Amino acid sequence: MRRVLVRYKVKPDRVEENEALVRAVYDELTEKQPVEMRYGTFKLDDGVSFVHIHSLDDPSGHNPLSDLASFKAFQAGIADRCDEPPVVSQLDEIGTFRLF
């Protein structure tokens, strides 16, 4: 099982755009229903920082996000939307309670 946390800051005038792109990903995930992954996106209290938590339980390592047109659209402009680019951190679980 692979779990990652992605954190970045968008430009203040691009927050709504980023949120719309993220929502489009969730719309497509709802439609496709990939069972091998769990995914969550959160906006932090500064209003410009975003955190994505992704858990993948596929022995092949194939990430269903990479197949989504909406995710490709989200990634396509991420560098231009950000004040601080995405940083990906591997999560090593110590314990969780009803998180995943």
N, C-alpha and C. Protein backbone atom coordinates (compact mmCIF):
# COMPACT_ATOMS: atom_id res chain seq x y z
N MET A 1 0.84 -1.18 0.00
CA MET A 1 0.00 0.00 0.00
C MET A 1 0.89 1.24 0.00
N ARG A 2 0.57 2.17 -0.85
CA ARG A 2 1.33 3.43 -0.95
C ARG A 2 0.42 4.57 -0.51
N ARG A 3 0.95 5.40 0.36
CA ARG A 3 0.22 6.58 0.83
C ARG A 3 1.12 7.79 0.70
N VAL A 4 0.57 8.85 0.13
CA VAL A 4 1.35 10.07 -0.02
C VAL A 4 0.52 11.28 0.40
N LEU A 5 1.23 12.33 0.77
CA LEU A 5 0.64 13.62 1.07
C LEU A 5 1.28 14.62 0.12
N VAL A 6 0.46 15.42 -0.52
CA VAL A 6 0.95 16.45 -1.43
C VAL A 6 0.48 17.80 -0.87
N ARG A 7 1.42 18.73 -0.77
CA ARG A 7 1.09 20.05 -0.23
C ARG A 7 1.64 21.12 -1.15
N TYR A 8 0.85 22.18 -1.37
CA TYR A 8 1.26 23.29 -2.22
C TYR A 8 0.45 24.52 -1.87
N LYS A 9 0.92 25.67 -2.35
CA LYS A 9 0.19 26.94 -2.17
C LYS A 9 -0.10 27.52 -3.54
N VAL A 10 -1.34 27.91 -3.74
CA VAL A 10 -1.71 28.56 -4.99
C VAL A 10 -1.70 30.07 -4.81
N LYS A 11 -1.62 30.76 -5.93
CA LYS A 11 -1.71 32.22 -5.91
C LYS A 11 -3.12 32.60 -5.46
N PRO A 12 -3.25 33.64 -4.65
CA PRO A 12 -4.56 34.01 -4.11
C PRO A 12 -5.64 34.18 -5.18
N ASP A 13 -5.27 34.70 -6.34
CA ASP A 13 -6.27 34.91 -7.38
C ASP A 13 -6.58 33.65 -8.19
N ARG A 14 -5.96 32.52 -7.81
CA ARG A 14 -6.19 31.26 -8.53
C ARG A 14 -6.85 30.20 -7.65
N VAL A 15 -7.23 30.56 -6.42
CA VAL A 15 -7.83 29.62 -5.48
C VAL A 15 -9.12 29.02 -6.04
N GLU A 16 -10.02 29.85 -6.53
CA GLU A 16 -11.30 29.35 -7.04
C GLU A 16 -11.09 28.42 -8.23
N GLU A 17 -10.16 28.77 -9.10
CA GLU A 17 -9.83 27.92 -10.25
C GLU A 17 -9.32 26.56 -9.78
N ASN A 18 -8.42 26.58 -8.80
CA ASN A 18 -7.87 25.34 -8.29
C ASN A 18 -8.97 24.47 -7.68
N GLU A 19 -9.84 25.09 -6.90
CA GLU A 19 -10.93 24.34 -6.29
C GLU A 19 -11.84 23.74 -7.35
N ALA A 20 -12.12 24.46 -8.41
CA ALA A 20 -12.97 23.94 -9.49
C ALA A 20 -12.31 22.75 -10.17
N LEU A 21 -11.02 22.84 -10.39
CA LEU A 21 -10.30 21.73 -11.02
C LEU A 21 -10.30 20.49 -10.11
N VAL A 22 -10.12 20.72 -8.82
CA VAL A 22 -10.15 19.60 -7.85
C VAL A 22 -11.54 18.98 -7.82
N ARG A 23 -12.56 19.80 -7.79
CA ARG A 23 -13.93 19.26 -7.78
C ARG A 23 -14.22 18.42 -9.03
N ALA A 24 -13.67 18.83 -10.16
CA ALA A 24 -13.85 18.06 -11.40
C ALA A 24 -13.23 16.68 -11.27
N VAL A 25 -12.10 16.59 -10.58
CA VAL A 25 -11.48 15.28 -10.33
C VAL A 25 -12.42 14.42 -9.50
N TYR A 26 -13.00 15.00 -8.46
CA TYR A 26 -13.92 14.22 -7.62
C TYR A 26 -15.18 13.81 -8.37
N ASP A 27 -15.65 14.66 -9.26
CA ASP A 27 -16.81 14.28 -10.08
C ASP A 27 -16.48 13.05 -10.93
N GLU A 28 -15.29 13.06 -11.52
CA GLU A 28 -14.90 11.92 -12.36
C GLU A 28 -14.62 10.69 -11.51
N LEU A 29 -14.04 10.87 -10.34
CA LEU A 29 -13.83 9.72 -9.44
C LEU A 29 -15.16 9.10 -9.04
N THR A 30 -16.14 9.93 -8.77
CA THR A 30 -17.47 9.43 -8.41
C THR A 30 -18.06 8.63 -9.56
N GLU A 31 -17.82 9.09 -10.77
CA GLU A 31 -18.32 8.39 -11.95
C GLU A 31 -17.59 7.06 -12.17
N LYS A 32 -16.26 7.06 -12.03
CA LYS A 32 -15.44 5.87 -12.34
C LYS A 32 -15.38 4.87 -11.18
N GLN A 33 -15.46 5.36 -9.95
CA GLN A 33 -15.46 4.52 -8.74
C GLN A 33 -14.27 3.56 -8.64
N PRO A 34 -13.03 4.04 -8.71
CA PRO A 34 -11.89 3.13 -8.54
C PRO A 34 -11.83 2.61 -7.10
N VAL A 35 -11.87 1.31 -6.94
CA VAL A 35 -11.93 0.73 -5.60
C VAL A 35 -10.56 0.61 -4.93
N GLU A 36 -9.50 0.70 -5.71
CA GLU A 36 -8.17 0.47 -5.16
C GLU A 36 -7.53 1.72 -4.56
N MET A 37 -8.26 2.81 -4.53
CA MET A 37 -7.67 4.03 -3.99
C MET A 37 -8.64 4.79 -3.10
N ARG A 38 -8.06 5.61 -2.24
CA ARG A 38 -8.79 6.57 -1.42
C ARG A 38 -8.06 7.90 -1.59
N TYR A 39 -8.84 8.97 -1.54
CA TYR A 39 -8.27 10.26 -1.90
C TYR A 39 -9.02 11.37 -1.17
N GLY A 40 -8.29 12.32 -0.66
CA GLY A 40 -8.92 13.46 0.00
C GLY A 40 -8.14 14.73 -0.28
N THR A 41 -8.85 15.83 -0.42
CA THR A 41 -8.22 17.13 -0.65
C THR A 41 -8.78 18.12 0.36
N PHE A 42 -7.90 18.91 0.92
CA PHE A 42 -8.26 19.85 1.96
C PHE A 42 -7.60 21.20 1.70
N LYS A 43 -8.33 22.27 1.99
CA LYS A 43 -7.76 23.62 1.93
C LYS A 43 -7.47 24.02 3.37
N LEU A 44 -6.27 24.53 3.61
CA LEU A 44 -5.88 24.92 4.95
C LEU A 44 -6.41 26.31 5.29
N ASP A 45 -6.29 26.67 6.56
CA ASP A 45 -6.92 27.90 7.04
C ASP A 45 -6.30 29.18 6.51
N ASP A 46 -5.16 29.11 5.85
CA ASP A 46 -4.61 30.33 5.24
C ASP A 46 -5.33 30.66 3.93
N GLY A 47 -6.16 29.73 3.45
CA GLY A 47 -6.97 29.96 2.26
C GLY A 47 -6.27 29.73 0.93
N VAL A 48 -4.95 29.48 0.95
CA VAL A 48 -4.21 29.27 -0.29
C VAL A 48 -3.41 27.97 -0.31
N SER A 49 -3.32 27.31 0.83
CA SER A 49 -2.58 26.04 0.92
C SER A 49 -3.55 24.88 0.77
N PHE A 50 -3.12 23.90 0.00
CA PHE A 50 -3.92 22.70 -0.24
C PHE A 50 -3.11 21.47 0.12
N VAL A 51 -3.80 20.47 0.64
CA VAL A 51 -3.20 19.19 0.97
C VAL A 51 -4.05 18.10 0.33
N HIS A 52 -3.38 17.20 -0.36
CA HIS A 52 -4.04 16.02 -0.93
C HIS A 52 -3.45 14.80 -0.24
N ILE A 53 -4.30 13.88 0.19
CA ILE A 53 -3.87 12.63 0.79
C ILE A 53 -4.37 11.52 -0.12
N HIS A 54 -3.46 10.66 -0.54
CA HIS A 54 -3.79 9.62 -1.50
C HIS A 54 -3.30 8.27 -0.97
N SER A 55 -4.18 7.30 -1.00
CA SER A 55 -3.85 5.94 -0.58
C SER A 55 -4.17 5.01 -1.74
N LEU A 56 -3.19 4.21 -2.13
CA LEU A 56 -3.34 3.30 -3.26
C LEU A 56 -3.06 1.88 -2.80
N ASP A 57 -4.02 1.01 -3.03
CA ASP A 57 -3.90 -0.39 -2.63
C ASP A 57 -4.02 -1.28 -3.87
N ASP A 58 -3.09 -1.09 -4.79
CA ASP A 58 -3.07 -1.86 -6.03
C ASP A 58 -1.68 -2.47 -6.17
N PRO A 59 -1.59 -3.81 -6.12
CA PRO A 59 -0.27 -4.45 -6.19
C PRO A 59 0.53 -4.09 -7.44
N SER A 60 -0.16 -3.76 -8.53
CA SER A 60 0.54 -3.39 -9.76
C SER A 60 1.15 -1.99 -9.66
N GLY A 61 0.66 -1.18 -8.71
CA GLY A 61 1.14 0.18 -8.57
C GLY A 61 0.48 1.17 -9.51
N HIS A 62 -0.46 0.69 -10.31
CA HIS A 62 -1.15 1.58 -11.25
C HIS A 62 -2.03 2.56 -10.47
N ASN A 63 -1.87 3.84 -10.76
CA ASN A 63 -2.64 4.88 -10.09
C ASN A 63 -3.80 5.30 -10.99
N PRO A 64 -5.05 5.04 -10.60
CA PRO A 64 -6.20 5.41 -11.42
C PRO A 64 -6.32 6.91 -11.69
N LEU A 65 -5.72 7.74 -10.83
CA LEU A 65 -5.77 9.18 -11.08
C LEU A 65 -5.14 9.53 -12.42
N SER A 66 -4.09 8.83 -12.78
CA SER A 66 -3.38 9.15 -14.02
C SER A 66 -4.23 8.89 -15.26
N ASP A 67 -5.32 8.14 -15.13
CA ASP A 67 -6.21 7.85 -16.25
C ASP A 67 -7.29 8.90 -16.44
N LEU A 68 -7.48 9.77 -15.45
CA LEU A 68 -8.60 10.71 -15.48
C LEU A 68 -8.26 11.97 -16.28
N ALA A 69 -9.13 12.32 -17.22
CA ALA A 69 -8.96 13.56 -17.98
C ALA A 69 -8.96 14.77 -17.05
N SER A 70 -9.79 14.73 -16.04
CA SER A 70 -9.88 15.85 -15.10
C SER A 70 -8.59 16.01 -14.30
N PHE A 71 -7.94 14.92 -13.95
CA PHE A 71 -6.68 15.00 -13.21
C PHE A 71 -5.57 15.52 -14.12
N LYS A 72 -5.59 15.11 -15.38
CA LYS A 72 -4.61 15.63 -16.34
C LYS A 72 -4.79 17.14 -16.50
N ALA A 73 -6.03 17.60 -16.54
CA ALA A 73 -6.30 19.04 -16.64
C ALA A 73 -5.83 19.76 -15.38
N PHE A 74 -6.04 19.15 -14.22
CA PHE A 74 -5.58 19.73 -12.95
C PHE A 74 -4.07 19.88 -12.96
N GLN A 75 -3.37 18.85 -13.37
CA GLN A 75 -1.91 18.87 -13.37
C GLN A 75 -1.33 19.80 -14.43
N ALA A 76 -2.03 19.95 -15.55
CA ALA A 76 -1.49 20.71 -16.68
C ALA A 76 -1.09 22.14 -16.30
N GLY A 77 -1.86 22.80 -15.47
CA GLY A 77 -1.56 24.19 -15.14
C GLY A 77 -1.09 24.42 -13.72
N ILE A 78 -0.71 23.37 -13.04
CA ILE A 78 -0.40 23.51 -11.61
C ILE A 78 0.77 24.47 -11.36
N ALA A 79 1.79 24.43 -12.19
CA ALA A 79 2.95 25.30 -11.97
C ALA A 79 2.57 26.77 -12.06
N ASP A 80 1.69 27.11 -13.00
CA ASP A 80 1.26 28.50 -13.16
C ASP A 80 0.35 28.96 -12.03
N ARG A 81 -0.40 28.03 -11.44
CA ARG A 81 -1.34 28.39 -10.37
C ARG A 81 -0.66 28.56 -9.02
N CYS A 82 0.55 28.02 -8.88
CA CYS A 82 1.17 27.93 -7.56
C CYS A 82 2.15 29.04 -7.24
N ASP A 83 2.12 29.47 -5.98
CA ASP A 83 3.18 30.28 -5.40
C ASP A 83 4.27 29.36 -4.85
N GLU A 84 3.85 28.21 -4.32
CA GLU A 84 4.78 27.18 -3.86
C GLU A 84 4.39 25.88 -4.54
N PRO A 85 5.30 25.26 -5.29
CA PRO A 85 4.95 24.07 -6.06
C PRO A 85 4.64 22.87 -5.17
N PRO A 86 3.96 21.89 -5.73
CA PRO A 86 3.63 20.69 -4.96
C PRO A 86 4.88 19.96 -4.45
N VAL A 87 4.79 19.55 -3.20
CA VAL A 87 5.81 18.70 -2.58
C VAL A 87 5.11 17.41 -2.19
N VAL A 88 5.66 16.29 -2.67
CA VAL A 88 5.08 14.98 -2.39
C VAL A 88 5.88 14.32 -1.29
N SER A 89 5.18 13.86 -0.25
CA SER A 89 5.82 13.15 0.87
C SER A 89 5.20 11.78 1.02
N GLN A 90 6.05 10.77 1.11
CA GLN A 90 5.60 9.41 1.38
C GLN A 90 5.14 9.34 2.84
N LEU A 91 4.01 8.72 3.09
CA LEU A 91 3.50 8.56 4.45
C LEU A 91 3.73 7.13 4.92
N ASP A 92 4.40 6.97 6.04
CA ASP A 92 4.58 5.66 6.65
C ASP A 92 3.67 5.60 7.87
N GLU A 93 2.65 4.78 7.77
CA GLU A 93 1.62 4.72 8.81
C GLU A 93 2.17 4.17 10.12
N ILE A 94 1.88 4.90 11.16
CA ILE A 94 2.14 4.44 12.52
C ILE A 94 0.83 3.96 13.13
N GLY A 95 -0.23 4.67 12.83
CA GLY A 95 -1.56 4.29 13.28
C GLY A 95 -2.59 5.21 12.65
N THR A 96 -3.76 4.68 12.43
CA THR A 96 -4.89 5.48 11.95
C THR A 96 -6.16 4.94 12.63
N PHE A 97 -7.13 5.78 12.71
CA PHE A 97 -8.43 5.36 13.23
C PHE A 97 -9.49 5.90 12.30
N ARG A 98 -10.10 5.02 11.53
CA ARG A 98 -11.17 5.35 10.59
C ARG A 98 -10.79 6.39 9.56
N LEU A 99 -9.50 6.50 9.27
CA LEU A 99 -9.04 7.47 8.29
C LEU A 99 -9.15 6.89 6.88
N PHE A 100 -8.71 5.68 6.72
CA PHE A 100 -8.76 5.03 5.41
C PHE A 100 -9.57 3.76 5.48
